[in-house]
Amino acid sequence: MAETKFTPRVFSGIQPSGGLTLGNYLGAIKRFVDMQGPEFETIYCMVDLHAITVWQDPAALTRNTRELCAGFIAAGIDPEQSILFNQSQVPEHAQLGWIFNCVARMGWMQRMTQWKDKAGKNQQNASLGLFAYPSLMAADILIYHATHVPVGEDQKQHLELTRDIAIKFNNDFGVDFFPITEPVIEGAATRVMSLRDGTKKMSKSDPSDMSRINMTDDADAIALKIRKARTDPDPLPDTLEGLEDRPEARNLVNIYAALADISPEQVIAEHAGQQFGTFKPSLADLAVAKLSPISTEMARLMDDPAEIDRILARGAARAREIAAPILRQTYEIAGMVGAVSA
């Protein structure tokens, strides 16, 4: 059987659960922007169906979805160049998700680290949706025959499951229909850590607002948080190896590198020997220059929610043009009557 040649296509998404942070920007959105261009068709999604695997206030979910869309656009995602939409407007995601629920095995799901972390000892009270989350994520990707997915390290296991589901479906039905998607994990700050504890991931759920930079923070707040970030008393070393046991220092160097589009080695070469009293103001200036225009544009976009809704609806219509034929072919392969239109 000849190997199918798939269109180079990128898919990725973020949950609209509120509180977009620098970690989301550097770990995901900035890389989404960088992948726009002639090499790939790019599809980016607010995964609101994933958000409701835990309780969401409906009014907050509506606002957060619009705010995330505003963040995408303000960061540089062009809704004319990329397809930008919210997941629930494209029902093919959930429909393929059911097919994949029947392909994936219980044992695969039970091994998912995020299931163990989020459900913890209270698994019997967690939602079925939270357990089945990874098969819906696989559907999000494969409903577009996406060949590449930019992800953070914490999502790598889910991408491996997506590949397993694609392989099993193809083998079960003797087809070469779904691509074996490649994860794209690159960049200096694919995992941005807390400004208060360099061993913990930057999180919107941290009780301390000083632990993170919010993408809605203004210039003064950004600068203050960088200046107050936890560090150690030693100067920056001559080599990257000198940061191995200095998580807070390494985090700030990674953030600088990602914002400046240079390597951490270049940051060290330029700032070796500096105390943090000198380095942090430089990082603050860089962060303000890169981030405050985004927060300003987000605020402007949020003043016109109707326009955001129009952008999402247009994106959903474009997404369905790709997704609907793929779902129809999936149903036909699986033997569903009526899958082939007359």
Protein backbone atom coordinates (compact mmCIF):
# COMPACT_ATOMS: atom_id res chain seq x y z
CA MET A 1 0.00 0.00 0.00
CA ALA A 2 1.47 3.35 -1.07
CA GLU A 3 2.14 5.75 1.78
CA THR A 4 -0.29 8.68 1.88
CA LYS A 5 1.26 12.12 1.48
CA PHE A 6 -0.38 14.54 3.91
CA THR A 7 -0.52 18.31 3.52
CA PRO A 8 1.91 19.92 6.02
CA ARG A 9 -0.55 21.23 8.58
CA VAL A 10 -0.12 22.54 12.13
CA PHE A 11 -2.80 22.29 14.81
CA SER A 12 -2.65 23.41 18.41
CA GLY A 13 -4.99 24.78 21.04
CA ILE A 14 -5.19 26.32 24.49
CA GLN A 15 -7.95 25.99 27.07
CA PRO A 16 -9.90 29.23 27.64
CA SER A 17 -9.91 28.77 31.39
CA GLY A 18 -8.73 32.30 32.16
CA GLY A 19 -5.51 33.97 33.13
CA LEU A 20 -3.26 33.87 30.05
CA THR A 21 0.34 34.07 31.31
CA LEU A 22 3.86 34.57 30.02
CA GLY A 23 4.16 30.77 30.17
CA ASN A 24 1.31 30.40 27.68
CA TYR A 25 2.87 33.05 25.44
CA LEU A 26 6.44 31.73 25.36
CA GLY A 27 5.52 28.05 25.61
CA ALA A 28 2.79 28.10 23.00
CA ILE A 29 1.42 31.28 21.39
CA LYS A 30 4.76 32.75 20.32
CA ARG A 31 5.60 29.46 18.63
CA PHE A 32 2.16 29.43 16.96
CA VAL A 33 3.01 32.83 15.47
CA ASP A 34 6.46 31.67 14.36
CA MET A 35 4.96 28.70 12.47
CA GLN A 36 2.75 30.91 10.31
CA GLY A 37 4.04 31.12 6.77
CA PRO A 38 4.28 29.21 3.51
CA GLU A 39 5.69 26.01 5.04
CA PHE A 40 2.50 25.01 6.90
CA GLU A 41 -1.24 25.52 6.93
CA THR A 42 -1.85 26.67 10.51
CA ILE A 43 -4.96 25.97 12.60
CA TYR A 44 -5.28 27.34 16.14
CA CYS A 45 -8.11 26.71 18.53
CA MET A 46 -9.60 27.76 21.85
CA VAL A 47 -10.43 24.30 23.21
CA ASP A 48 -13.55 25.16 25.21
CA LEU A 49 -14.80 21.56 25.25
CA HIS A 50 -11.63 20.61 27.12
CA ALA A 51 -12.14 23.50 29.54
CA ILE A 52 -15.45 22.07 30.79
CA THR A 53 -13.87 18.78 31.92
CA VAL A 54 -13.78 20.73 35.21
CA TRP A 55 -16.55 23.14 36.22
CA GLN A 56 -16.53 26.52 34.45
CA ASP A 57 -18.80 29.44 35.20
CA PRO A 58 -20.61 30.00 31.87
CA ALA A 59 -20.19 33.79 31.84
CA ALA A 60 -16.51 33.43 32.69
CA LEU A 61 -16.03 30.82 29.96
CA THR A 62 -17.54 33.19 27.40
CA ARG A 63 -15.23 36.03 28.47
CA ASN A 64 -12.17 33.81 28.70
CA THR A 65 -12.75 32.43 25.20
CA ARG A 66 -12.91 35.94 23.77
CA GLU A 67 -9.89 37.05 25.81
CA LEU A 68 -7.84 34.09 24.59
CA CYS A 69 -8.80 34.90 21.00
CA ALA A 70 -7.75 38.51 21.63
CA GLY A 71 -4.45 37.24 23.04
CA PHE A 72 -3.80 35.10 19.96
CA ILE A 73 -4.44 38.01 17.60
CA ALA A 74 -2.55 40.59 19.69
CA ALA A 75 0.47 38.26 19.81
CA GLY A 76 0.58 38.10 16.01
CA ILE A 77 -1.70 35.32 14.82
CA ASP A 78 -3.38 36.60 11.66
CA PRO A 79 -6.95 35.24 11.41
CA GLU A 80 -6.77 35.61 7.63
CA GLN A 81 -3.55 33.61 7.37
CA SER A 82 -4.31 31.06 10.10
CA ILE A 83 -7.63 29.40 10.91
CA LEU A 84 -8.65 30.66 14.36
CA PHE A 85 -11.79 29.37 16.10
CA ASN A 86 -13.26 27.90 19.26
CA GLN A 87 -13.64 24.14 19.39
CA SER A 88 -17.34 23.90 20.23
CA GLN A 89 -18.28 25.60 16.92
CA VAL A 90 -16.84 22.63 15.02
CA PRO A 91 -18.87 19.54 16.09
CA GLU A 92 -16.58 17.23 14.11
CA HIS A 93 -14.11 17.39 17.03
CA ALA A 94 -16.57 15.70 19.40
CA GLN A 95 -17.80 13.29 16.74
CA LEU A 96 -14.32 12.02 15.96
CA GLY A 97 -13.61 12.05 19.69
CA TRP A 98 -16.28 9.35 20.14
CA ILE A 99 -14.74 7.18 17.44
CA PHE A 100 -11.39 7.52 19.21
CA ASN A 101 -12.98 6.68 22.57
CA CYS A 102 -13.74 3.35 20.95
CA VAL A 103 -10.19 2.97 19.58
CA ALA A 104 -8.24 4.00 22.70
CA ARG A 105 -7.80 1.48 25.52
CA MET A 106 -8.60 2.06 29.19
CA GLY A 107 -5.05 1.18 30.15
CA TRP A 108 -3.70 3.90 27.87
CA MET A 109 -5.88 6.51 29.56
CA GLN A 110 -5.07 5.35 33.07
CA ARG A 111 -1.37 5.87 32.39
CA MET A 112 -1.82 9.54 31.52
CA THR A 113 0.18 11.64 33.99
CA GLN A 114 -2.25 14.58 33.79
CA TRP A 115 -5.17 12.31 34.71
CA LYS A 116 -3.29 11.12 37.78
CA ASP A 117 -2.27 14.68 38.71
CA LYS A 118 -5.66 16.34 38.18
CA ALA A 119 -7.89 13.60 39.53
CA GLY A 120 -5.49 12.59 42.30
CA LYS A 121 -7.01 10.43 45.01
CA ASN A 122 -10.47 11.67 44.08
CA GLN A 123 -10.72 9.78 40.78
CA GLN A 124 -14.23 8.45 41.45
CA ASN A 125 -15.54 12.01 41.59
CA ALA A 126 -13.64 13.30 38.54
CA SER A 127 -15.63 13.77 35.35
CA LEU A 128 -15.66 11.15 32.62
CA GLY A 129 -14.63 14.00 30.31
CA LEU A 130 -11.43 14.55 32.28
CA PHE A 131 -10.57 10.86 31.90
CA ALA A 132 -11.35 10.85 28.15
CA TYR A 133 -9.64 14.23 27.57
CA PRO A 134 -6.67 12.72 25.65
CA SER A 135 -8.83 10.98 23.03
CA LEU A 136 -10.64 14.25 22.34
CA MET A 137 -7.24 15.92 22.06
CA ALA A 138 -6.28 13.27 19.51
CA ALA A 139 -9.49 14.07 17.61
CA ASP A 140 -8.69 17.81 17.72
CA ILE A 141 -5.45 17.08 15.91
CA LEU A 142 -6.43 14.29 13.56
CA ILE A 143 -9.74 15.78 12.37
CA TYR A 144 -7.47 18.10 10.33
CA HIS A 145 -4.89 15.43 9.46
CA ALA A 146 -2.42 17.70 11.25
CA THR A 147 1.17 16.63 10.68
CA HIS A 148 2.80 18.83 13.35
CA VAL A 149 1.73 20.05 16.78
CA PRO A 150 3.71 22.64 18.77
CA VAL A 151 3.41 21.57 22.41
CA GLY A 152 5.07 22.01 25.77
CA GLU A 153 6.88 19.16 27.48
CA ASP A 154 3.82 18.53 29.69
CA GLN A 155 1.71 17.62 26.63
CA LYS A 156 4.24 15.29 25.02
CA GLN A 157 2.58 12.19 26.52
CA HIS A 158 -0.76 13.21 24.99
CA LEU A 159 0.91 13.54 21.57
CA GLU A 160 2.32 10.04 21.97
CA LEU A 161 -1.22 8.81 22.68
CA THR A 162 -2.46 10.62 19.56
CA ARG A 163 0.12 8.72 17.54
CA ASP A 164 -0.93 5.42 19.18
CA ILE A 165 -4.59 6.08 18.35
CA ALA A 166 -3.76 6.94 14.73
CA ILE A 167 -1.64 3.80 14.36
CA LYS A 168 -4.30 1.56 15.93
CA PHE A 169 -7.11 3.02 13.78
CA ASN A 170 -5.04 2.60 10.63
CA ASN A 171 -4.10 -0.98 11.59
CA ASP A 172 -7.62 -1.95 12.71
CA PHE A 173 -9.12 -0.90 9.39
CA GLY A 174 -6.17 -1.65 7.09
CA VAL A 175 -5.85 1.94 5.91
CA ASP A 176 -3.22 4.66 5.81
CA PHE A 177 -5.71 7.37 6.70
CA PHE A 178 -4.51 9.27 9.77
CA PRO A 179 -1.00 10.78 9.84
CA ILE A 180 1.49 9.97 12.60
CA THR A 181 1.69 13.50 13.96
CA GLU A 182 5.06 14.96 14.95
CA PRO A 183 5.36 16.99 18.17
CA VAL A 184 7.28 20.27 17.86
CA ILE A 185 9.03 20.95 21.17
CA GLU A 186 11.61 23.67 20.78
CA GLY A 187 12.69 27.06 22.03
CA ALA A 188 14.44 28.39 25.12
CA ALA A 189 11.35 28.59 27.32
CA THR A 190 9.00 25.76 26.39
CA ARG A 191 8.41 25.41 30.14
CA VAL A 192 8.34 28.76 31.94
CA MET A 193 8.74 28.52 35.69
CA SER A 194 7.31 30.57 38.57
CA LEU A 195 9.00 33.89 39.35
CA ARG A 196 8.79 32.94 43.05
CA ASP A 197 9.95 29.29 42.79
CA GLY A 198 12.06 28.13 39.87
CA THR A 199 11.16 24.48 40.51
CA LYS A 200 7.45 25.01 39.80
CA LYS A 201 5.76 25.78 36.49
CA MET A 202 4.35 29.30 36.09
CA SER A 203 0.63 28.91 36.77
CA LYS A 204 -2.48 31.07 36.75
CA SER A 205 -3.68 29.10 39.79
CA ASP A 206 -0.75 30.10 42.01
CA PRO A 207 -2.12 32.18 44.93
CA SER A 208 0.62 34.79 44.42
CA ASP A 209 0.12 37.11 41.46
CA MET A 210 3.83 37.94 41.74
CA SER A 211 4.65 34.38 40.65
CA ARG A 212 3.58 35.06 37.07
CA ILE A 213 3.35 37.69 34.39
CA ASN A 214 -0.21 37.92 33.10
CA MET A 215 -0.63 38.84 29.45
CA THR A 216 -3.06 41.54 30.61
CA ASP A 217 -0.43 43.18 32.89
CA ASP A 218 0.57 46.72 31.99
CA ALA A 219 4.17 47.90 31.61
CA ASP A 220 4.55 48.91 35.27
CA ALA A 221 3.29 45.54 36.54
CA ILE A 222 5.57 43.62 34.15
CA ALA A 223 8.64 45.59 35.24
CA LEU A 224 7.80 45.26 38.94
CA LYS A 225 7.35 41.48 38.75
CA ILE A 226 10.69 41.01 36.98
CA ARG A 227 12.50 43.23 39.50
CA LYS A 228 10.91 41.33 42.41
CA ALA A 229 11.53 37.87 40.91
CA ARG A 230 13.32 35.50 43.24
CA THR A 231 17.02 35.00 42.49
CA ASP A 232 20.17 33.99 44.34
CA PRO A 233 23.16 36.09 45.48
CA ASP A 234 25.65 34.81 42.88
CA PRO A 235 26.39 36.56 39.57
CA LEU A 236 25.54 34.99 36.24
CA PRO A 237 28.11 32.30 35.36
CA ASP A 238 30.40 32.05 32.33
CA THR A 239 28.66 28.93 30.98
CA LEU A 240 25.15 27.52 30.90
CA GLU A 241 26.33 24.57 32.99
CA GLY A 242 26.85 27.00 35.85
CA LEU A 243 23.05 27.37 36.13
CA GLU A 244 22.35 23.66 36.73
CA ASP A 245 21.57 24.01 40.44
CA ARG A 246 20.16 27.55 40.18
CA PRO A 247 16.54 27.12 38.99
CA GLU A 248 15.46 30.75 39.47
CA ALA A 249 18.51 32.08 37.63
CA ARG A 250 18.07 29.56 34.83
CA ASN A 251 14.40 30.53 34.48
CA LEU A 252 15.20 34.23 34.04
CA VAL A 253 17.94 33.45 31.51
CA ASN A 254 15.50 31.24 29.55
CA ILE A 255 12.82 33.96 29.61
CA TYR A 256 15.34 36.54 28.35
CA ALA A 257 16.47 34.18 25.57
CA ALA A 258 12.91 33.42 24.45
CA LEU A 259 11.85 37.08 24.44
CA ALA A 260 15.00 38.16 22.57
CA ASP A 261 14.89 35.21 20.11
CA ILE A 262 18.41 34.16 21.02
CA SER A 263 19.84 31.07 22.72
CA PRO A 264 20.44 30.84 26.48
CA GLU A 265 24.14 30.44 25.64
CA GLN A 266 24.08 33.86 23.94
CA VAL A 267 22.41 35.40 27.00
CA ILE A 268 25.17 34.01 29.22
CA ALA A 269 27.86 35.20 26.81
CA GLU A 270 26.44 38.74 26.85
CA HIS A 271 25.72 38.96 30.60
CA ALA A 272 28.31 36.69 32.27
CA GLY A 273 29.48 38.07 35.59
CA GLN A 274 26.52 40.41 36.04
CA GLN A 275 24.71 40.57 39.33
CA PHE A 276 20.93 40.32 39.17
CA GLY A 277 20.69 43.95 40.19
CA THR A 278 22.01 44.68 36.69
CA PHE A 279 20.50 41.76 34.75
CA LYS A 280 16.91 42.07 35.98
CA PRO A 281 16.45 45.69 34.82
CA SER A 282 17.67 44.63 31.37
CA LEU A 283 15.20 41.74 31.37
CA ALA A 284 12.42 44.05 32.61
CA ASP A 285 13.06 46.50 29.75
CA LEU A 286 13.01 43.64 27.23
CA ALA A 287 9.82 42.15 28.70
CA VAL A 288 8.02 45.49 28.68
CA ALA A 289 9.05 46.16 25.09
CA LYS A 290 7.81 42.76 23.92
CA LEU A 291 4.74 42.25 26.12
CA SER A 292 3.10 45.58 26.88
CA PRO A 293 2.05 46.15 23.22
CA ILE A 294 0.30 42.77 23.38
CA SER A 295 -1.62 43.63 26.56
CA THR A 296 -2.59 47.02 25.09
CA GLU A 297 -3.89 45.42 21.88
CA MET A 298 -5.75 42.73 23.86
CA ALA A 299 -7.59 45.44 25.77
CA ARG A 300 -8.51 47.19 22.51
CA LEU A 301 -9.83 43.99 20.96
CA MET A 302 -11.86 43.14 24.06
CA ASP A 303 -13.71 46.45 23.66
CA ASP A 304 -15.41 44.93 20.59
CA PRO A 305 -16.54 41.39 21.53
CA ALA A 306 -18.86 41.23 18.53
CA GLU A 307 -15.87 41.47 16.18
CA ILE A 308 -14.11 38.69 18.09
CA ASP A 309 -17.23 36.55 17.70
CA ARG A 310 -17.27 37.26 13.95
CA ILE A 311 -13.60 36.21 13.67
CA LEU A 312 -14.31 32.96 15.54
CA ALA A 313 -17.36 32.17 13.41
CA ARG A 314 -15.41 32.74 10.17
CA GLY A 315 -12.61 30.56 11.48
CA ALA A 316 -15.03 27.80 12.43
CA ALA A 317 -16.56 27.81 8.94
CA ARG A 318 -13.08 27.46 7.41
CA ALA A 319 -12.17 24.71 9.90
CA ARG A 320 -15.31 22.71 9.02
CA GLU A 321 -14.38 22.79 5.33
CA ILE A 322 -11.37 20.66 6.27
CA ALA A 323 -12.89 18.65 9.13
CA ALA A 324 -16.22 17.57 7.60
CA PRO A 325 -14.77 15.53 4.69
CA ILE A 326 -12.25 13.85 7.01
CA LEU A 327 -15.01 12.86 9.45
CA ARG A 328 -17.16 11.60 6.56
CA GLN A 329 -14.27 9.43 5.32
CA THR A 330 -13.65 8.17 8.88
CA TYR A 331 -17.30 7.13 9.17
CA GLU A 332 -17.13 5.44 5.77
CA ILE A 333 -14.00 3.49 6.80
CA ALA A 334 -15.74 2.43 10.03
CA GLY A 335 -18.83 1.25 8.12
CA MET A 336 -21.34 3.90 9.14
CA VAL A 337 -24.40 3.89 6.87
CA GLY A 338 -25.00 7.26 5.25
CA ALA A 339 -21.39 8.37 5.52
CA VAL A 340 -21.13 8.72 1.76
CA SER A 341 -23.45 11.39 0.43
CA ALA A 342 -25.40 10.51 -2.69
